[in-house]
Protein backbone atom coordinates (compact mmCIF):
# COMPACT_ATOMS: atom_id res chain seq x y z
CA UNK A 1 -45.66 16.84 28.37
CA UNK A 2 -44.09 20.18 27.60
CA UNK A 3 -40.97 21.05 25.78
CA UNK A 4 -38.59 23.88 27.18
CA UNK A 5 -36.51 25.17 24.46
CA UNK A 6 -35.76 28.70 25.49
CA UNK A 7 -35.56 30.52 28.90
CA UNK A 8 -38.94 31.94 27.76
CA UNK A 9 -40.46 28.75 27.83
CA UNK A 10 -39.16 28.00 31.14
CA UNK A 11 -40.98 31.07 32.48
CA UNK A 12 -44.02 30.43 30.83
CA UNK A 13 -44.28 26.84 32.12
CA UNK A 14 -43.45 28.09 35.62
CA UNK A 15 -46.15 30.52 35.29
CA UNK A 16 -48.61 27.92 34.05
CA UNK A 17 -47.79 25.61 36.72
CA UNK A 18 -48.25 28.37 39.10
CA UNK A 19 -51.89 29.27 37.85
CA UNK A 20 -52.80 25.69 37.97
CA UNK A 21 -51.63 24.96 41.61
CA UNK A 22 -52.72 28.65 42.54
CA UNK A 23 -49.39 29.48 43.78
CA UNK A 24 -47.33 33.02 42.95
CA UNK A 25 -44.60 32.27 40.52
CA UNK A 26 -42.80 35.57 41.33
CA UNK A 27 -40.23 34.14 43.64
CA UNK A 28 -39.27 31.51 41.48
CA UNK A 29 -39.07 33.74 38.22
CA UNK A 30 -36.92 36.26 40.15
CA UNK A 31 -34.68 33.39 41.18
CA UNK A 32 -34.31 32.47 37.54
CA UNK A 33 -33.43 36.02 36.65
CA UNK A 34 -30.77 36.17 39.08
CA UNK A 35 -29.02 33.25 37.60
CA UNK A 36 -28.57 35.35 34.30
CA UNK A 37 -26.39 38.33 36.32
CA UNK A 38 -23.51 37.96 34.24
CA UNK A 39 -23.46 38.95 30.68
CA UNK A 40 -20.43 38.69 28.36
CA UNK A 41 -18.69 42.16 27.75
CA UNK A 42 -16.68 40.88 25.03
CA UNK A 43 -18.45 37.96 23.30
CA UNK A 44 -15.72 35.47 22.17
CA UNK A 45 -16.47 32.66 19.57
CA UNK A 46 -17.58 29.72 21.41
CA UNK A 47 -18.87 26.28 20.23
CA UNK A 48 -20.57 23.74 22.06
CA UNK A 49 -20.23 20.02 21.01
CA UNK A 50 -22.53 17.54 22.15
CA UNK A 51 -21.59 14.24 20.50
CA UNK A 52 -18.83 13.16 18.19
CA UNK A 53 -20.75 10.48 15.85
CA UNK A 54 -22.12 12.86 14.24
CA UNK A 55 -20.62 16.06 15.48
CA UNK A 56 -23.55 18.01 16.77
CA UNK A 57 -23.63 21.54 18.19
CA UNK A 58 -26.71 23.49 19.33
CA UNK A 59 -28.01 26.34 17.09
CA UNK A 60 -30.20 29.43 18.70
CA UNK A 61 -33.58 27.28 18.33
CA UNK A 62 -32.58 24.98 21.41
CA UNK A 63 -32.35 25.33 25.14
CA UNK A 64 -28.26 25.16 25.19
CA UNK A 65 -28.39 27.86 22.50
CA UNK A 66 -31.06 29.97 24.13
CA UNK A 67 -29.10 29.74 27.31
CA UNK A 68 -25.80 31.35 25.52
CA UNK A 69 -27.95 33.85 24.29
CA UNK A 70 -29.02 34.93 27.75
CA UNK A 71 -25.33 35.32 28.86
CA UNK A 72 -24.53 37.04 25.51
CA UNK A 73 -21.92 34.28 24.61
CA UNK A 74 -21.04 34.20 20.94
CA UNK A 75 -22.12 30.66 19.78
CA UNK A 76 -20.80 30.13 16.36
CA UNK A 77 -23.53 27.77 15.49
CA UNK A 78 -26.25 29.88 16.42
CA UNK A 79 -27.58 31.10 13.00
CA UNK A 80 -26.73 27.58 11.30
CA UNK A 81 -29.29 25.25 10.17
CA UNK A 82 -28.80 21.58 9.29
CA UNK A 83 -30.47 18.48 8.55
CA UNK A 84 -29.91 17.12 12.07
CA UNK A 85 -32.81 14.76 13.46
CA UNK A 86 -32.66 16.77 16.65
CA UNK A 87 -34.45 20.00 16.38
CA UNK A 88 -32.24 22.79 17.57
CA UNK A 89 -29.14 21.01 16.61
CA UNK A 90 -26.91 21.05 13.62
CA UNK A 91 -24.22 18.39 12.44
CA UNK A 92 -20.79 19.65 11.78
CA UNK A 93 -18.02 18.50 9.70
CA UNK A 94 -14.49 18.13 11.22
CA UNK A 95 -13.83 21.03 8.53
CA UNK A 96 -16.53 23.14 9.85
CA UNK A 97 -15.15 22.81 13.38
CA UNK A 98 -11.85 23.82 12.18
CA UNK A 99 -13.20 26.64 10.08
CA UNK A 100 -15.04 28.15 13.23
CA UNK A 101 -11.95 27.68 15.11
CA UNK A 102 -13.70 28.69 18.45
CA UNK A 103 -11.92 30.78 21.16
CA UNK A 104 -13.97 28.84 23.86
CA UNK A 105 -14.99 25.12 23.80
CA UNK A 106 -17.87 23.64 25.66
CA UNK A 107 -18.09 19.98 25.77
CA UNK A 108 -21.35 18.30 27.01
CA UNK A 109 -20.43 15.18 29.07
CA UNK A 110 -23.26 12.68 28.21
CA UNK A 111 -21.28 9.49 30.08
CA UNK A 112 -20.69 7.56 26.55
CA UNK A 113 -16.99 8.70 25.89
CA UNK A 114 -17.94 11.41 23.32
CA UNK A 115 -15.29 13.53 25.09
CA UNK A 116 -12.53 11.58 24.61
CA UNK A 117 -13.47 10.74 21.03
CA UNK A 118 -13.64 14.43 20.53
CA UNK A 119 -10.00 14.91 22.06
CA UNK A 120 -8.88 12.34 19.60
CA UNK A 121 -10.06 14.07 16.49
CA UNK A 122 -7.42 15.22 13.93
CA UNK A 123 -8.78 18.80 14.37
CA UNK A 124 -8.54 18.79 18.22
CA UNK A 125 -5.11 20.02 19.11
CA UNK A 126 -5.27 22.67 16.00
CA UNK A 127 -8.28 24.50 17.76
CA UNK A 128 -7.60 27.99 19.57
CA UNK A 129 -9.69 27.03 22.82
CA UNK A 130 -7.75 23.63 23.14
CA UNK A 131 -4.10 25.43 22.71
CA UNK A 132 -5.25 28.39 25.01
CA UNK A 133 -6.92 25.75 27.58
CA UNK A 134 -10.25 27.38 27.35
CA UNK A 135 -12.22 23.82 27.19
CA UNK A 136 -14.94 23.63 29.70
CA UNK A 137 -16.93 20.31 30.32
CA UNK A 138 -20.80 20.58 31.18
CA UNK A 139 -23.32 18.22 32.21
CA UNK A 140 -26.21 17.22 29.98
CA UNK A 141 -28.77 18.10 32.48
CA UNK A 142 -28.80 22.05 32.64
CA UNK A 143 -27.10 22.63 29.30
CA UNK A 144 -28.80 20.55 26.82
CA UNK A 145 -31.77 19.43 28.80
CA UNK A 146 -33.01 21.84 31.31
CA UNK A 147 -33.64 18.81 33.62
CA UNK A 148 -34.12 20.53 37.09
CA UNK A 149 -33.86 24.01 38.68
CA UNK A 150 -30.74 22.76 40.25
CA UNK A 151 -29.33 21.41 36.95
CA UNK A 152 -29.93 24.84 35.37
CA UNK A 153 -28.49 26.63 38.28
CA UNK A 154 -25.23 24.69 37.90
CA UNK A 155 -25.01 25.12 34.30
CA UNK A 156 -25.76 29.10 34.65
CA UNK A 157 -23.09 29.39 37.35
CA UNK A 158 -20.39 27.56 34.96
CA UNK A 159 -21.33 30.18 32.03
CA UNK A 160 -21.24 33.01 34.56
CA UNK A 161 -17.36 31.57 35.11
CA UNK A 162 -16.66 31.26 31.32
CA UNK A 163 -18.16 34.97 30.99
CA UNK A 164 -15.64 36.24 33.94
CA UNK A 165 -13.02 34.52 32.72
CA UNK A 166 -13.48 35.54 28.78
CA UNK A 167 -13.48 39.17 30.12
CA UNK A 168 -10.36 38.79 32.24
CA UNK A 169 -8.73 36.60 29.74
CA UNK A 170 -9.35 39.75 26.98
CA UNK A 171 -8.18 42.38 29.43
CA UNK A 172 -4.86 40.21 29.91
CA UNK A 173 -4.37 40.24 25.89
CA UNK A 174 -5.60 43.70 25.42
């Protein structure tokens, strides 16, 4: 088994498999790179929430955190360290979420009602991302767990939309 915790580890695994099956990985690596075409011109504070009990967010040492870095998205939890049982994720208190008050909020749908629980939290309506309608929902596969090339591609396309929306939103506000 292998653990893909970064874009680099995805590329390394692809190359290792290619060597094993005597194939040329170039086309696949180039297709990966094309998914990263958009970069955030003015990175806005962004928070990814993966669960509600406890409130978990990816830092830079996770697939999700590294993916945000690839798009130059300002992950407010990137540098935070914590005692979460999941490596690359930190546990946040409701107070920390309010203190971070992200401009963009990304929720991960794991199919267990987490999103509704987060929306019922006392802090929810106080967040800038909520009041300015900058809340996005992502599938678990692609953002939290790479899953498949198709799932990664879908997640990257959604991140590109956020980056484009952030750029135009910033121009409107300026």
